[in-house]
N, C-alpha and C. Protein backbone atom coordinates (compact mmCIF):
# COMPACT_ATOMS: atom_id res chain seq x y z
N MET A 1 25.43 -79.14 -28.21
CA MET A 1 23.66 -79.99 -28.28
C MET A 1 24.16 -81.57 -28.09
N SER A 2 23.42 -82.04 -27.58
CA SER A 2 23.73 -83.81 -27.51
C SER A 2 23.82 -84.69 -28.80
N SER A 3 24.60 -85.73 -28.70
CA SER A 3 24.49 -86.49 -30.09
C SER A 3 23.10 -87.38 -30.18
N ASP A 4 22.15 -87.19 -29.22
CA ASP A 4 20.68 -87.32 -29.50
C ASP A 4 20.38 -87.07 -30.53
N VAL A 5 20.67 -85.65 -31.10
CA VAL A 5 20.26 -85.19 -32.17
C VAL A 5 20.34 -85.90 -33.50
N ASN A 6 21.22 -87.03 -33.55
CA ASN A 6 21.55 -87.61 -34.86
C ASN A 6 21.18 -89.03 -34.56
N MET A 7 19.88 -88.99 -33.42
CA MET A 7 19.42 -90.54 -33.70
C MET A 7 18.58 -90.39 -34.54
N VAL A 8 17.84 -91.81 -35.30
CA VAL A 8 16.79 -92.06 -36.44
C VAL A 8 15.98 -93.38 -35.44
N THR A 9 14.99 -91.90 -34.64
CA THR A 9 14.19 -92.93 -33.72
C THR A 9 13.46 -93.71 -34.55
N GLU A 10 12.76 -93.42 -35.41
CA GLU A 10 11.85 -94.01 -36.52
C GLU A 10 12.28 -95.47 -36.70
N CYS A 11 13.66 -95.77 -36.86
CA CYS A 11 13.75 -97.29 -36.84
C CYS A 11 13.83 -98.14 -35.93
N TRP A 12 13.58 -98.14 -34.29
CA TRP A 12 13.43 -98.67 -33.62
C TRP A 12 12.00 -98.41 -33.12
N VAL A 13 10.97 -97.66 -33.53
CA VAL A 13 9.84 -97.78 -33.53
C VAL A 13 8.37 -98.47 -33.48
N CYS A 14 8.04 -99.38 -32.82
CA CYS A 14 6.97 -100.35 -33.35
C CYS A 14 5.81 -99.75 -33.28
N PRO A 15 5.05 -99.62 -33.80
CA PRO A 15 3.79 -99.14 -34.12
C PRO A 15 3.04 -99.87 -33.14
N GLY A 16 2.12 -98.72 -32.77
CA GLY A 16 0.82 -99.70 -32.00
C GLY A 16 1.39 -99.70 -30.53
N THR A 17 2.35 -99.89 -30.12
CA THR A 17 2.63 -100.22 -28.72
C THR A 17 3.24 -99.20 -27.98
N LEU A 18 3.29 -99.28 -26.40
CA LEU A 18 3.73 -98.20 -25.47
C LEU A 18 4.80 -98.17 -25.79
N GLY A 19 6.04 -99.23 -25.73
CA GLY A 19 7.26 -98.52 -25.79
C GLY A 19 7.59 -97.97 -27.13
N GLY A 20 7.04 -97.99 -28.20
CA GLY A 20 7.31 -97.57 -29.21
C GLY A 20 7.00 -96.13 -29.47
N LEU A 21 5.93 -96.08 -28.56
CA LEU A 21 5.32 -94.69 -28.39
C LEU A 21 6.12 -94.00 -27.63
N ILE A 22 6.60 -94.17 -26.72
CA ILE A 22 7.57 -93.34 -25.71
C ILE A 22 8.68 -93.02 -26.75
N SER A 23 9.29 -94.36 -27.42
CA SER A 23 10.78 -93.89 -28.61
C SER A 23 9.86 -92.67 -29.13
N LEU A 24 8.80 -92.91 -29.52
CA LEU A 24 8.26 -91.45 -30.61
C LEU A 24 8.27 -89.85 -30.00
N TYR A 25 7.87 -89.78 -28.28
CA TYR A 25 8.21 -88.84 -27.72
C TYR A 25 9.57 -88.57 -27.44
N GLU A 26 10.59 -89.25 -27.04
CA GLU A 26 12.09 -89.18 -27.27
C GLU A 26 12.42 -88.22 -28.52
N GLY A 27 11.76 -88.96 -29.72
CA GLY A 27 12.07 -88.17 -31.16
C GLY A 27 11.51 -87.03 -30.96
N ASN A 28 10.25 -86.87 -30.79
CA ASN A 28 10.08 -85.38 -31.04
C ASN A 28 10.50 -84.44 -29.89
N PHE A 29 10.98 -84.70 -28.72
CA PHE A 29 11.60 -83.89 -27.52
C PHE A 29 13.00 -83.44 -28.72
N ILE A 30 13.93 -84.18 -29.00
CA ILE A 30 15.08 -83.90 -29.92
C ILE A 30 14.65 -82.74 -31.02
N LYS A 31 13.47 -83.19 -31.56
CA LYS A 31 13.38 -82.28 -32.84
C LYS A 31 12.80 -81.17 -32.19
N LEU A 32 11.91 -81.18 -31.08
CA LEU A 32 11.31 -79.73 -30.55
C LEU A 32 12.96 -78.79 -30.11
N ALA A 33 13.80 -79.50 -29.46
CA ALA A 33 15.03 -78.86 -28.86
C ALA A 33 15.75 -78.07 -30.10
N ALA A 34 15.97 -78.87 -30.98
CA ALA A 34 16.54 -78.29 -32.31
C ALA A 34 15.57 -77.41 -32.75
N LEU A 35 14.44 -77.13 -32.99
CA LEU A 35 13.34 -75.81 -33.14
C LEU A 35 13.53 -74.99 -32.45
N LEU A 36 13.57 -75.24 -30.72
CA LEU A 36 13.59 -74.15 -30.17
C LEU A 36 14.59 -73.57 -29.59
N GLY A 37 15.76 -74.22 -29.02
CA GLY A 37 16.96 -73.96 -28.79
C GLY A 37 16.79 -74.66 -27.49
N ASP A 38 16.96 -73.50 -26.80
CA ASP A 38 16.83 -74.08 -24.94
C ASP A 38 15.65 -74.10 -24.54
N VAL A 39 15.07 -75.37 -24.79
CA VAL A 39 13.63 -75.95 -24.18
C VAL A 39 13.47 -74.94 -22.75
N GLN A 40 14.38 -75.52 -21.70
CA GLN A 40 13.95 -74.65 -20.47
C GLN A 40 13.68 -73.53 -20.22
N ARG A 41 14.48 -72.32 -21.31
CA ARG A 41 13.62 -70.69 -21.36
C ARG A 41 12.67 -70.38 -22.04
N ALA A 42 12.07 -71.45 -22.63
CA ALA A 42 10.90 -71.42 -24.02
C ALA A 42 9.80 -70.12 -22.88
N SER A 43 9.53 -69.28 -23.67
CA SER A 43 8.39 -68.46 -22.84
C SER A 43 7.69 -67.78 -24.15
N GLY A 44 6.59 -67.49 -23.48
CA GLY A 44 5.73 -66.56 -24.63
C GLY A 44 5.27 -66.70 -26.09
N GLN A 45 5.47 -65.88 -27.13
CA GLN A 45 4.52 -66.07 -28.10
C GLN A 45 5.68 -65.71 -29.46
N LEU A 46 6.35 -66.39 -29.92
CA LEU A 46 7.31 -66.28 -30.90
C LEU A 46 6.70 -67.22 -32.41
N VAL A 47 7.71 -66.39 -33.54
CA VAL A 47 6.98 -66.61 -35.12
C VAL A 47 8.38 -67.08 -35.49
N SER A 48 8.35 -68.04 -36.30
CA SER A 48 9.73 -68.29 -36.98
C SER A 48 9.30 -68.04 -38.65
N CYS A 49 9.67 -67.27 -39.02
CA CYS A 49 9.60 -67.21 -40.76
C CYS A 49 10.59 -68.03 -41.96
N SER A 50 10.08 -68.35 -42.47
CA SER A 50 11.08 -69.15 -43.45
C SER A 50 10.70 -69.01 -45.09
N ARG A 51 11.70 -68.90 -45.65
CA ARG A 51 11.62 -68.60 -47.23
C ARG A 51 10.79 -69.59 -48.10
N ARG A 52 10.74 -70.74 -47.38
CA ARG A 52 9.95 -71.95 -48.30
C ARG A 52 8.98 -72.36 -47.59
N ASP A 53 8.34 -71.72 -46.42
CA ASP A 53 7.60 -72.29 -45.82
C ASP A 53 6.40 -70.93 -45.22
N LEU A 54 5.47 -71.40 -44.73
CA LEU A 54 4.24 -70.52 -44.15
C LEU A 54 5.23 -69.75 -42.78
N ASP A 55 4.71 -68.35 -41.88
CA ASP A 55 5.14 -68.09 -40.76
C ASP A 55 4.49 -69.47 -39.74
N LEU A 56 5.68 -69.96 -38.99
CA LEU A 56 5.05 -70.78 -38.05
C LEU A 56 4.94 -70.20 -36.62
N HIS A 57 3.93 -70.57 -36.11
CA HIS A 57 3.67 -69.61 -34.51
C HIS A 57 3.57 -70.38 -33.72
N LEU A 58 4.26 -70.04 -32.67
CA LEU A 58 4.50 -70.88 -30.98
C LEU A 58 4.12 -70.15 -29.80
N SER A 59 3.30 -71.00 -29.13
CA SER A 59 3.14 -70.11 -28.24
C SER A 59 3.10 -71.13 -26.48
N ILE A 60 3.97 -70.55 -25.61
CA ILE A 60 4.16 -71.26 -24.70
C ILE A 60 2.72 -70.81 -23.55
N GLU A 61 1.70 -71.77 -23.25
CA GLU A 61 0.57 -71.46 -22.43
C GLU A 61 1.10 -71.49 -21.31
N GLU A 62 1.89 -72.86 -20.57
CA GLU A 62 1.91 -73.03 -19.44
C GLU A 62 3.30 -73.52 -19.00
N GLY A 63 4.26 -73.13 -17.93
CA GLY A 63 5.78 -73.47 -17.87
C GLY A 63 5.51 -73.78 -16.30
N SER A 64 6.23 -74.92 -15.85
CA SER A 64 6.82 -75.14 -14.46
C SER A 64 7.89 -74.99 -14.76
N ARG A 65 8.92 -75.51 -13.68
CA ARG A 65 9.83 -76.16 -13.17
C ARG A 65 10.15 -77.50 -14.29
N TYR A 66 9.38 -78.17 -14.82
CA TYR A 66 9.49 -79.24 -14.79
C TYR A 66 8.82 -79.93 -16.69
N THR A 67 7.79 -79.08 -16.57
CA THR A 67 7.05 -78.99 -18.08
C THR A 67 7.12 -77.72 -18.73
N ARG A 68 6.65 -77.92 -19.65
CA ARG A 68 5.72 -76.44 -20.62
C ARG A 68 4.94 -77.16 -21.41
N LEU A 69 3.76 -76.25 -21.84
CA LEU A 69 2.87 -76.38 -22.42
C LEU A 69 2.63 -75.64 -23.72
N LEU A 70 2.97 -76.47 -24.87
CA LEU A 70 2.96 -74.80 -26.06
C LEU A 70 2.20 -75.67 -27.32
N ARG A 71 2.17 -74.87 -27.92
CA ARG A 71 1.01 -74.83 -29.16
C ARG A 71 1.79 -74.53 -30.25
N LEU A 72 1.81 -75.25 -31.16
CA LEU A 72 2.43 -74.90 -32.57
C LEU A 72 1.28 -74.97 -33.93
N THR A 73 1.14 -73.98 -34.77
CA THR A 73 0.63 -73.88 -35.60
C THR A 73 0.97 -72.78 -36.53
N TYR A 74 -0.09 -72.85 -37.79
CA TYR A 74 0.25 -72.03 -38.97
C TYR A 74 -1.30 -71.04 -38.66
N LEU A 75 -1.07 -69.92 -39.06
CA LEU A 75 -2.49 -69.20 -39.18
C LEU A 75 -3.07 -68.68 -40.50
N PHE A 76 -4.10 -69.23 -40.92
CA PHE A 76 -4.82 -68.97 -42.13
C PHE A 76 -5.57 -67.80 -41.99
N ASP A 77 -5.71 -66.87 -42.99
CA ASP A 77 -6.84 -65.89 -42.79
C ASP A 77 -7.53 -65.66 -43.87
N ASP A 78 -8.88 -66.52 -43.82
CA ASP A 78 -9.93 -66.45 -44.64
C ASP A 78 -11.13 -65.48 -44.34
N GLY A 79 -10.25 -64.10 -43.45
CA GLY A 79 -11.33 -63.35 -43.16
C GLY A 79 -11.76 -62.93 -41.53
N VAL A 80 -11.19 -64.69 -41.07
CA VAL A 80 -11.05 -64.94 -39.82
C VAL A 80 -9.65 -65.77 -39.43
N PRO A 81 -8.87 -65.72 -38.62
CA PRO A 81 -7.88 -66.38 -38.36
C PRO A 81 -8.03 -67.78 -37.99
N VAL A 82 -7.47 -68.95 -38.77
CA VAL A 82 -7.92 -70.12 -38.47
C VAL A 82 -6.56 -70.87 -38.26
N ALA A 83 -6.22 -71.60 -37.09
CA ALA A 83 -4.99 -72.27 -36.37
C ALA A 83 -5.08 -73.61 -37.09
N GLU A 84 -4.30 -73.89 -38.09
CA GLU A 84 -4.04 -75.56 -38.31
C GLU A 84 -2.64 -76.08 -38.98
N PRO A 85 -2.56 -76.80 -38.67
CA PRO A 85 -2.73 -77.88 -37.66
C PRO A 85 -2.47 -76.79 -36.27
N ASP A 86 -3.13 -77.21 -35.30
CA ASP A 86 -2.93 -76.83 -34.02
C ASP A 86 -2.92 -77.30 -33.08
N LEU A 87 -1.86 -77.91 -32.58
CA LEU A 87 -0.88 -79.21 -32.07
C LEU A 87 -0.79 -78.66 -30.51
N ALA A 88 -1.16 -79.24 -29.71
CA ALA A 88 -0.87 -78.36 -28.09
C ALA A 88 -0.20 -79.87 -27.89
N VAL A 89 1.35 -79.27 -27.42
CA VAL A 89 2.01 -80.36 -26.92
C VAL A 89 2.93 -80.17 -25.22
N ARG A 90 3.12 -81.34 -24.76
CA ARG A 90 3.36 -81.03 -23.59
C ARG A 90 5.00 -81.66 -23.53
N LEU A 91 6.23 -80.85 -23.25
CA LEU A 91 7.28 -80.80 -22.84
C LEU A 91 7.45 -81.27 -21.66
N TYR A 92 7.96 -82.65 -21.35
CA TYR A 92 8.74 -83.11 -19.71
C TYR A 92 10.34 -82.91 -19.92
N LEU A 93 10.55 -81.77 -19.19
CA LEU A 93 11.61 -81.32 -19.39
C LEU A 93 12.53 -82.38 -18.64
N ASP A 94 11.92 -82.95 -17.41
CA ASP A 94 13.14 -83.92 -16.59
C ASP A 94 13.34 -85.23 -17.26
N ALA A 95 12.41 -85.75 -18.10
CA ALA A 95 12.17 -87.01 -18.84
C ALA A 95 12.72 -86.93 -20.49
N ARG A 96 12.82 -85.83 -20.84
CA ARG A 96 13.51 -85.41 -22.21
C ARG A 96 12.10 -86.04 -23.16
N VAL A 97 10.82 -85.79 -23.06
CA VAL A 97 10.09 -86.47 -23.57
C VAL A 97 8.65 -85.11 -24.23
N ALA A 98 8.68 -85.31 -25.34
CA ALA A 98 7.39 -84.34 -25.71
C ALA A 98 6.09 -85.12 -26.51
N GLU A 99 5.15 -85.00 -25.66
CA GLU A 99 3.72 -85.88 -26.14
C GLU A 99 2.76 -84.73 -27.14
N ALA A 100 2.55 -84.88 -27.79
CA ALA A 100 1.24 -84.14 -28.50
C ALA A 100 -0.13 -84.48 -27.81
N ILE A 101 -0.65 -83.30 -27.14
CA ILE A 101 -1.70 -83.99 -26.52
C ILE A 101 -2.91 -83.67 -27.06
N ALA A 102 -2.92 -82.83 -27.49
CA ALA A 102 -4.47 -82.35 -28.54
C ALA A 102 -4.32 -81.76 -29.55
N TRP A 103 -5.07 -81.65 -30.81
CA TRP A 103 -5.15 -80.82 -31.75
C TRP A 103 -6.99 -80.55 -32.09
N THR A 104 -6.53 -79.69 -32.80
CA THR A 104 -8.28 -79.39 -33.26
C THR A 104 -9.38 -80.50 -33.66
N ASP A 105 -10.25 -80.29 -33.24
CA ASP A 105 -11.47 -81.42 -33.35
C ASP A 105 -11.90 -81.26 -34.91
N SER A 106 -11.98 -79.97 -35.37
CA SER A 106 -12.66 -79.85 -37.14
C SER A 106 -11.08 -79.49 -37.80
N HIS A 107 -10.42 -80.55 -39.07
CA HIS A 107 -9.87 -80.17 -39.49
C HIS A 107 -10.43 -79.34 -41.02
N ARG A 108 -9.59 -78.38 -41.32
CA ARG A 108 -9.71 -77.99 -42.91
C ARG A 108 -9.08 -78.78 -43.79
N HIS A 109 -8.60 -79.41 -43.89
CA HIS A 109 -7.60 -80.20 -44.82
C HIS A 109 -8.06 -81.76 -44.75
N GLU A 110 -8.96 -82.65 -45.88
CA GLU A 110 -9.20 -83.57 -45.75
C GLU A 110 -8.53 -84.68 -45.47
N GLN A 111 -6.93 -84.80 -45.35
CA GLN A 111 -6.25 -85.88 -45.11
C GLN A 111 -6.15 -85.63 -43.45
N LEU A 112 -6.06 -84.53 -42.91
CA LEU A 112 -5.75 -84.70 -41.49
C LEU A 112 -6.82 -84.86 -40.84
N ALA A 113 -8.27 -84.76 -41.47
CA ALA A 113 -9.53 -85.00 -40.64
C ALA A 113 -9.77 -86.40 -41.01
N ALA A 114 -9.30 -87.20 -42.07
CA ALA A 114 -9.57 -88.48 -42.01
C ALA A 114 -8.60 -88.95 -41.33
N LEU A 115 -7.66 -88.82 -41.26
CA LEU A 115 -6.78 -89.13 -40.07
C LEU A 115 -7.11 -89.39 -38.55
N ALA A 116 -7.66 -88.14 -38.21
CA ALA A 116 -8.54 -87.78 -36.89
C ALA A 116 -9.24 -89.12 -36.79
N ARG A 117 -10.44 -88.91 -38.12
CA ARG A 117 -11.35 -90.06 -37.78
C ARG A 117 -10.86 -91.41 -37.90
N GLN A 118 -9.74 -91.76 -38.35
CA GLN A 118 -9.68 -93.43 -38.06
C GLN A 118 -9.34 -94.13 -37.33
N TYR A 119 -8.76 -93.84 -35.91
CA TYR A 119 -8.23 -93.91 -34.73
C TYR A 119 -9.14 -93.80 -33.65
N GLU A 120 -9.60 -94.98 -32.80
CA GLU A 120 -10.59 -94.87 -31.90
C GLU A 120 -10.03 -95.15 -30.16
N ARG A 121 -9.05 -96.15 -30.08
CA ARG A 121 -8.26 -96.57 -29.19
C ARG A 121 -7.46 -95.26 -28.62
N GLU A 122 -7.10 -95.45 -27.40
CA GLU A 122 -6.63 -94.09 -26.84
C GLU A 122 -4.92 -94.27 -27.18
N ILE A 123 -4.18 -95.34 -27.66
CA ILE A 123 -3.11 -95.70 -28.03
C ILE A 123 -2.89 -95.17 -29.17
N ASP A 124 -3.89 -95.59 -29.95
CA ASP A 124 -3.83 -95.30 -31.75
C ASP A 124 -3.92 -93.92 -31.94
N ARG A 125 -4.98 -93.08 -30.93
CA ARG A 125 -5.24 -91.60 -30.93
C ARG A 125 -3.96 -90.98 -30.99
N ARG A 126 -2.83 -91.63 -29.90
CA ARG A 126 -2.02 -90.81 -29.36
C ARG A 126 -0.82 -91.01 -30.78
N TRP A 127 -0.77 -92.28 -30.94
CA TRP A 127 0.17 -92.32 -32.34
C TRP A 127 -0.03 -91.21 -33.33
N ALA A 128 -1.40 -91.06 -33.68
CA ALA A 128 -1.61 -90.57 -34.87
C ALA A 128 -1.13 -89.56 -34.82
N CYS A 129 -1.36 -88.76 -33.42
CA CYS A 129 -1.41 -87.30 -32.88
C CYS A 129 0.41 -87.32 -32.94
N ASN A 130 0.70 -88.16 -32.56
CA ASN A 130 2.59 -87.76 -31.95
C ASN A 130 3.20 -88.17 -33.47
N MET A 131 2.65 -88.95 -34.43
CA MET A 131 3.18 -89.27 -35.64
C MET A 131 3.17 -88.04 -36.82
N VAL A 132 1.72 -87.35 -36.20
CA VAL A 132 1.62 -85.93 -37.34
C VAL A 132 2.86 -85.00 -36.71
N LEU A 133 2.89 -84.72 -35.40
CA LEU A 133 4.10 -83.71 -34.65
C LEU A 133 5.26 -84.33 -35.13
N SER A 134 5.57 -85.53 -35.10
CA SER A 134 7.03 -86.06 -35.63
C SER A 134 7.08 -85.37 -37.22
N LYS A 135 6.47 -85.81 -37.99
CA LYS A 135 6.56 -85.33 -39.49
C LYS A 135 6.87 -84.14 -39.98
N TRP A 136 5.67 -83.34 -38.93
CA TRP A 136 5.26 -81.99 -39.02
C TRP A 136 7.13 -81.31 -38.62
N LEU A 137 7.60 -81.55 -37.71
CA LEU A 137 8.69 -81.17 -37.40
C LEU A 137 9.68 -81.46 -37.95
N ASP A 138 9.82 -82.87 -38.53
CA ASP A 138 10.95 -83.15 -39.87
C ASP A 138 10.61 -81.65 -41.03
N TYR A 139 9.40 -81.64 -41.49
CA TYR A 139 9.60 -80.71 -42.33
C TYR A 139 9.55 -79.34 -42.07
N LEU A 140 9.64 -78.84 -40.63
CA LEU A 140 9.29 -77.39 -40.47
C LEU A 140 11.44 -77.31 -40.24
N LEU A 141 11.99 -78.35 -39.79
CA LEU A 141 13.34 -78.43 -39.61
C LEU A 141 14.23 -78.24 -41.03
N ASP A 142 13.29 -79.19 -41.81
CA ASP A 142 14.14 -79.02 -43.40
C ASP A 142 13.92 -77.66 -44.09
N ASN A 143 12.44 -77.04 -43.85
CA ASN A 143 12.27 -75.95 -44.21
C ASN A 143 13.05 -74.54 -43.81
N GLY A 144 13.97 -74.89 -42.88
CA GLY A 144 14.76 -73.66 -42.32
C GLY A 144 14.05 -73.31 -40.79
N HIS A 145 12.81 -73.84 -40.48
CA HIS A 145 12.39 -73.10 -39.23
C HIS A 145 13.07 -73.20 -38.10
N ALA A 146 13.33 -72.20 -37.15
CA ALA A 146 14.00 -72.22 -35.79
C ALA A 146 13.68 -70.62 -35.20
N PHE A 147 13.75 -71.00 -34.27
CA PHE A 147 13.43 -69.98 -33.06
C PHE A 147 14.99 -69.51 -31.87
N ASP A 148 15.36 -68.92 -32.75
CA ASP A 148 17.00 -68.28 -32.23
C ASP A 148 16.90 -67.96 -30.87
N ARG A 149 16.43 -67.04 -30.79
CA ARG A 149 16.37 -66.20 -29.18
C ARG A 149 14.97 -66.22 -28.84
N LEU A 150 14.31 -67.21 -27.63
CA LEU A 150 13.38 -67.20 -26.86
C LEU A 150 13.16 -65.82 -26.06
N ALA A 151 12.19 -65.15 -26.85
CA ALA A 151 12.06 -63.80 -25.56
C ALA A 151 10.43 -63.71 -26.29
N VAL A 152 9.82 -62.86 -25.66
CA VAL A 152 8.39 -62.75 -25.94
C VAL A 152 8.59 -61.39 -27.35
N GLY A 153 7.69 -62.08 -28.25
CA GLY A 153 7.44 -61.31 -29.67
C GLY A 153 8.90 -61.29 -30.51
N VAL A 154 9.66 -61.89 -30.53
CA VAL A 154 10.66 -62.26 -31.42
C VAL A 154 10.62 -63.22 -32.06
N THR A 155 10.47 -62.36 -33.76
CA THR A 155 10.51 -63.20 -34.77
C THR A 155 11.94 -63.57 -35.15
N ALA A 156 12.33 -65.12 -35.40
CA ALA A 156 13.57 -65.69 -36.03
C ALA A 156 13.07 -65.98 -37.75
N ALA A 157 13.92 -65.03 -37.99
CA ALA A 157 14.04 -65.34 -39.60
C ALA A 157 15.14 -66.38 -40.14
N ARG A 158 14.74 -66.90 -40.98
CA ARG A 158 15.48 -67.89 -41.76
C ARG A 158 15.38 -67.88 -43.17
């Protein structure tokens, strides 16, 4: 793995700026690569189990030579499965950046709902969504999540 993994991107991110947002995308790619392993080969439906956290569900929804569209979520079951947070992430493999492009419109958790309502400008919306992804990826990695083998239906236990 490259030495990029040890970079602390948050120290040079200037909130609200395009340059800072792109730095955040770079940091998100590095964290996703640590979670996924070989992002070039990522495909299918995967579940990562951790002793300290809920099962993490990953779905690769689209893939091309230069991009992947994936969805990361927990699944809560209150009679009907509910995905939250339900983040769609576009990986740009050639540029080595990952952008959270969408999350659910209705959140079960009040803090996520408040964050989603707080930002109206496009750059602010992108900042909020990608900061959620960045912090969540930190949490997932700290709690031992990883997808060791990239194959349809494989469960990676930690």
